[in-house]
Amino acid sequence: MTDVNQVLEIGLSGDLTITGSSGYNTAGTVKLDGGTLTDAPTYGTGGQGVFTGFGTMNGSVMGGQYGNAPAIHATGGTLTLNGEMYDGDRPDIAAGATFNLLGAVQLRPPPRGKSATLSGSTFLSSDSGTLRLGTATARQSFETNGVIGNMNVSTTGAPTNVLDLADAQPGTITAASTVTGNTIQLFNGATMTDHFTLANSVGTAAVHWASDGGSGTNIFLSV
């Protein structure tokens, strides 16, 4: 994969493992149609590679501020990253899609002359899309090192962009609020249990929570 016009497609039952350090690391697009891609050395592409679609990516994503992180687009279903994200990584989420993070969000010391850059995910549509923090590790590390971009404020009272806390039950949340327009805070009684940073100000938007249909909680904003 050395050309930006090259496409490697992994079908529904496809399972591809890259073991060498000279694997997919330069350019082109890997399109997942429900299959599995495993990259043992980490996903690092010189900033030219693209991963798009739905399925499972096993392995960690190299940090963006070092200039070698790929672009990751969740579209058409649920794209699961079973690994860690590092500084500057910003997977985006298309309408109707879910980005499911299972590993930690890490910050490393920045290169000389640069400041640390938070990782996170960005919603591409104000109509729908879900950022799922699928484990306690993902949730807790995202609170410190992650940021959510373009989270929409619903004007109808119905969920649009959703933050799914897969390991937090709705009953553990008794109150929620936005602070300074760019932080979501969740409380259990008088104790703040979680806080999430937004890349864009949402003013005094109300924070809502409800079951995600499993053992977790969906968080969304409305006027």
Protein backbone atom coordinates (compact mmCIF):
# COMPACT_ATOMS: atom_id res chain seq x y z
CA MET A 1 0.00 0.00 0.00
CA THR A 2 2.11 2.87 -1.30
CA ASP A 3 -0.35 4.99 -3.29
CA VAL A 4 -3.25 7.11 -2.01
CA ASN A 5 -5.46 5.67 -4.78
CA GLN A 6 -5.07 2.06 -3.66
CA VAL A 7 -7.99 0.40 -1.80
CA LEU A 8 -7.89 -2.83 0.20
CA GLU A 9 -11.38 -4.10 1.06
CA ILE A 10 -12.09 -6.55 3.88
CA GLY A 11 -15.49 -8.21 3.56
CA LEU A 12 -17.96 -9.36 6.18
CA SER A 13 -16.10 -12.60 6.93
CA GLY A 14 -12.66 -11.25 6.08
CA ASP A 15 -9.83 -11.44 8.62
CA LEU A 16 -6.47 -9.87 7.82
CA THR A 17 -3.47 -9.76 10.15
CA ILE A 18 -0.41 -7.60 9.56
CA THR A 19 2.62 -8.85 11.49
CA GLY A 20 5.62 -7.02 10.05
CA SER A 21 6.68 -3.50 10.90
CA SER A 22 6.65 -2.72 7.17
CA GLY A 23 3.00 -3.65 6.82
CA TYR A 24 0.27 -1.15 5.96
CA ASN A 25 2.10 2.04 6.89
CA THR A 26 2.26 4.40 3.95
CA ALA A 27 -0.86 5.35 1.99
CA GLY A 28 -4.12 4.14 0.49
CA THR A 29 -7.46 3.15 2.00
CA VAL A 30 -8.48 0.07 3.96
CA LYS A 31 -12.26 -0.37 3.70
CA LEU A 32 -13.89 -2.63 6.27
CA ASP A 33 -17.26 -4.18 5.41
CA GLY A 34 -17.74 -5.94 8.74
CA GLY A 35 -14.50 -7.89 8.80
CA THR A 36 -11.49 -7.78 11.10
CA LEU A 37 -8.11 -6.13 10.65
CA THR A 38 -5.28 -6.80 13.10
CA ASP A 39 -2.11 -4.73 13.02
CA ALA A 40 0.39 -6.00 15.55
CA PRO A 41 2.97 -3.17 15.16
CA THR A 42 0.29 -0.40 15.58
CA TYR A 43 -1.60 1.60 12.98
CA GLY A 44 0.89 4.18 11.77
CA THR A 45 0.72 5.43 8.21
CA GLY A 46 2.77 8.56 7.79
CA GLY A 47 -0.44 10.57 7.98
CA GLN A 48 -1.60 9.41 4.54
CA GLY A 49 -3.52 6.22 5.27
CA VAL A 50 -7.29 5.92 5.68
CA PHE A 51 -9.37 3.29 7.51
CA THR A 52 -13.09 3.45 6.87
CA GLY A 53 -16.25 1.41 7.36
CA PHE A 54 -17.46 -0.94 10.08
CA GLY A 55 -15.94 -3.99 11.71
CA THR A 56 -13.06 -4.49 14.13
CA MET A 57 -9.58 -3.02 14.21
CA ASN A 58 -7.29 -4.89 16.61
CA GLY A 59 -4.25 -2.87 17.59
CA SER A 60 -3.37 0.61 18.78
CA VAL A 61 -3.29 3.81 16.74
CA MET A 62 -0.08 5.84 16.68
CA GLY A 63 -0.37 9.44 17.84
CA GLY A 64 -1.29 12.20 15.41
CA GLN A 65 1.07 14.87 16.71
CA TYR A 66 3.97 12.70 15.59
CA GLY A 67 2.71 12.92 12.02
CA ASN A 68 1.98 9.23 11.46
CA ALA A 69 -1.61 8.66 12.55
CA PRO A 70 -4.10 7.41 9.96
CA ALA A 71 -7.52 8.89 9.34
CA ILE A 72 -10.27 6.68 10.79
CA HIS A 73 -13.89 7.00 9.64
CA ALA A 74 -16.69 5.02 11.30
CA THR A 75 -19.45 4.64 8.74
CA GLY A 76 -22.19 2.14 7.86
CA GLY A 77 -22.32 0.45 11.27
CA THR A 78 -20.08 -0.04 14.31
CA LEU A 79 -16.33 0.35 13.97
CA THR A 80 -14.58 -1.09 17.02
CA LEU A 81 -11.02 -0.16 17.96
CA ASN A 82 -9.75 -2.94 20.20
CA GLY A 83 -6.62 -1.10 21.24
CA GLU A 84 -5.33 2.23 22.45
CA MET A 85 -5.56 5.70 20.92
CA TYR A 86 -2.73 8.17 21.36
CA ASP A 87 -2.34 11.96 21.38
CA GLY A 88 -3.95 13.75 18.49
CA ASP A 89 -5.96 10.81 17.10
CA ARG A 90 -9.44 11.98 16.07
CA PRO A 91 -11.60 9.22 14.54
CA ASP A 92 -14.81 10.63 13.09
CA ILE A 93 -18.34 9.25 13.15
CA ALA A 94 -20.76 9.44 10.22
CA ALA A 95 -24.56 9.60 10.53
CA GLY A 96 -25.96 6.35 11.88
CA ALA A 97 -22.52 4.96 12.72
CA THR A 98 -20.83 4.09 16.01
CA PHE A 99 -17.18 4.33 16.98
CA ASN A 100 -16.57 1.84 19.79
CA LEU A 101 -13.37 2.31 21.79
CA LEU A 102 -12.25 -0.57 24.00
CA GLY A 103 -8.72 0.53 24.92
CA ALA A 104 -7.21 3.47 26.75
CA VAL A 105 -6.68 7.01 25.49
CA GLN A 106 -3.03 7.81 26.11
CA LEU A 107 -0.98 11.02 26.20
CA ARG A 108 2.78 10.89 25.66
CA PRO A 109 5.31 13.66 26.21
CA PRO A 110 4.96 15.96 23.16
CA PRO A 111 7.83 16.58 20.74
CA ARG A 112 10.09 19.48 21.64
CA GLY A 113 8.40 22.79 20.95
CA LYS A 114 4.89 21.29 20.81
CA SER A 115 2.11 21.03 23.37
CA ALA A 116 0.15 17.89 24.14
CA THR A 117 -2.89 17.30 21.91
CA LEU A 118 -5.97 15.53 23.24
CA SER A 119 -7.37 12.52 21.41
CA GLY A 120 -11.06 12.04 20.79
CA SER A 121 -13.81 11.57 18.26
CA THR A 122 -15.75 13.97 16.05
CA PHE A 123 -19.37 13.69 14.93
CA LEU A 124 -19.79 14.40 11.21
CA SER A 125 -23.59 14.70 11.28
CA SER A 126 -25.94 16.51 13.63
CA ASP A 127 -28.65 13.92 12.87
CA SER A 128 -27.14 10.85 14.53
CA GLY A 129 -23.98 9.00 15.48
CA THR A 130 -22.63 7.35 18.63
CA LEU A 131 -19.32 7.45 20.46
CA ARG A 132 -19.22 4.31 22.60
CA LEU A 133 -16.69 3.99 25.41
CA GLY A 134 -16.92 0.24 25.68
CA THR A 135 -14.91 -0.41 28.84
CA ALA A 136 -14.12 1.24 32.15
CA THR A 137 -10.57 1.78 30.88
CA ALA A 138 -11.82 3.63 27.82
CA ARG A 139 -14.25 5.75 29.84
CA GLN A 140 -11.82 6.71 32.59
CA SER A 141 -8.91 7.54 30.30
CA PHE A 142 -11.14 9.46 27.87
CA GLU A 143 -12.23 11.73 30.72
CA THR A 144 -8.64 12.92 31.20
CA ASN A 145 -7.15 12.67 27.72
CA GLY A 146 -10.11 12.80 25.32
CA VAL A 147 -12.31 15.41 23.66
CA ILE A 148 -15.63 15.15 21.79
CA GLY A 149 -16.01 17.23 18.64
CA ASN A 150 -19.25 18.59 17.14
CA MET A 151 -21.64 17.04 19.65
CA ASN A 152 -25.04 18.29 18.58
CA VAL A 153 -27.63 19.88 20.86
CA SER A 154 -31.03 18.41 19.99
CA THR A 155 -33.87 20.87 19.48
CA THR A 156 -36.59 18.20 19.56
CA GLY A 157 -35.77 16.48 22.84
CA ALA A 158 -34.83 13.28 21.01
CA PRO A 159 -31.22 11.99 20.99
CA THR A 160 -29.05 12.93 18.03
CA ASN A 161 -25.33 12.57 18.81
CA VAL A 162 -24.89 10.10 21.67
CA LEU A 163 -22.13 9.31 24.13
CA ASP A 164 -22.61 5.68 25.21
CA LEU A 165 -20.98 4.76 28.54
CA ALA A 166 -21.14 1.00 28.20
CA ASP A 167 -20.02 0.20 31.75
CA ALA A 168 -22.10 2.81 33.63
CA GLN A 169 -25.68 1.96 34.52
CA PRO A 170 -28.32 4.73 34.34
CA GLY A 171 -29.12 4.30 38.04
CA THR A 172 -25.63 5.46 39.00
CA ILE A 173 -26.42 8.94 37.60
CA THR A 174 -28.72 11.19 39.60
CA ALA A 175 -27.88 14.58 38.04
CA ALA A 176 -25.95 16.04 35.10
CA SER A 177 -25.00 19.47 33.79
CA THR A 178 -22.81 21.40 31.38
CA VAL A 179 -20.11 23.65 32.83
CA THR A 180 -18.55 26.66 31.06
CA GLY A 181 -20.25 25.47 27.88
CA ASN A 182 -17.72 22.76 27.08
CA THR A 183 -17.77 20.17 29.86
CA ILE A 184 -20.37 17.51 30.64
CA GLN A 185 -20.49 16.56 34.31
CA LEU A 186 -22.30 13.52 35.73
CA PHE A 187 -23.18 13.13 39.41
CA ASN A 188 -24.24 10.41 41.80
CA GLY A 189 -25.74 12.39 44.65
CA ALA A 190 -23.26 15.14 45.52
CA THR A 191 -20.32 13.26 44.00
CA MET A 192 -19.17 14.01 40.46
CA THR A 193 -18.52 10.62 38.89
CA ASP A 194 -17.59 11.56 35.31
CA HIS A 195 -16.67 14.59 33.22
CA PHE A 196 -16.19 14.87 29.47
CA THR A 197 -14.61 17.69 27.48
CA LEU A 198 -16.34 19.09 24.38
CA ALA A 199 -14.38 20.71 21.57
CA ASN A 200 -17.23 23.11 20.86
CA SER A 201 -19.29 25.20 23.26
CA VAL A 202 -22.87 24.04 23.82
CA GLY A 203 -23.83 26.93 26.10
CA THR A 204 -26.32 25.94 28.76
CA ALA A 205 -27.57 22.80 27.01
CA ALA A 206 -29.34 20.25 29.19
CA VAL A 207 -27.74 16.85 29.70
CA HIS A 208 -29.98 13.77 29.45
CA TRP A 209 -29.29 10.13 30.22
CA ALA A 210 -31.11 6.86 29.54
CA SER A 211 -30.39 3.16 29.19
CA ASP A 212 -28.46 2.16 26.08
CA GLY A 213 -30.53 -1.01 25.86
CA GLY A 214 -27.88 -3.05 27.62
CA SER A 215 -25.98 -2.46 30.84
CA GLY A 216 -24.80 1.04 29.92
CA THR A 217 -26.05 4.61 29.62
CA ASN A 218 -26.60 6.93 26.67
CA ILE A 219 -25.80 10.61 27.22
CA PHE A 220 -27.12 13.33 24.89
CA LEU A 221 -27.72 17.08 24.87
CA SER A 222 -30.80 19.19 24.17
CA VAL A 223 -31.98 22.76 24.53
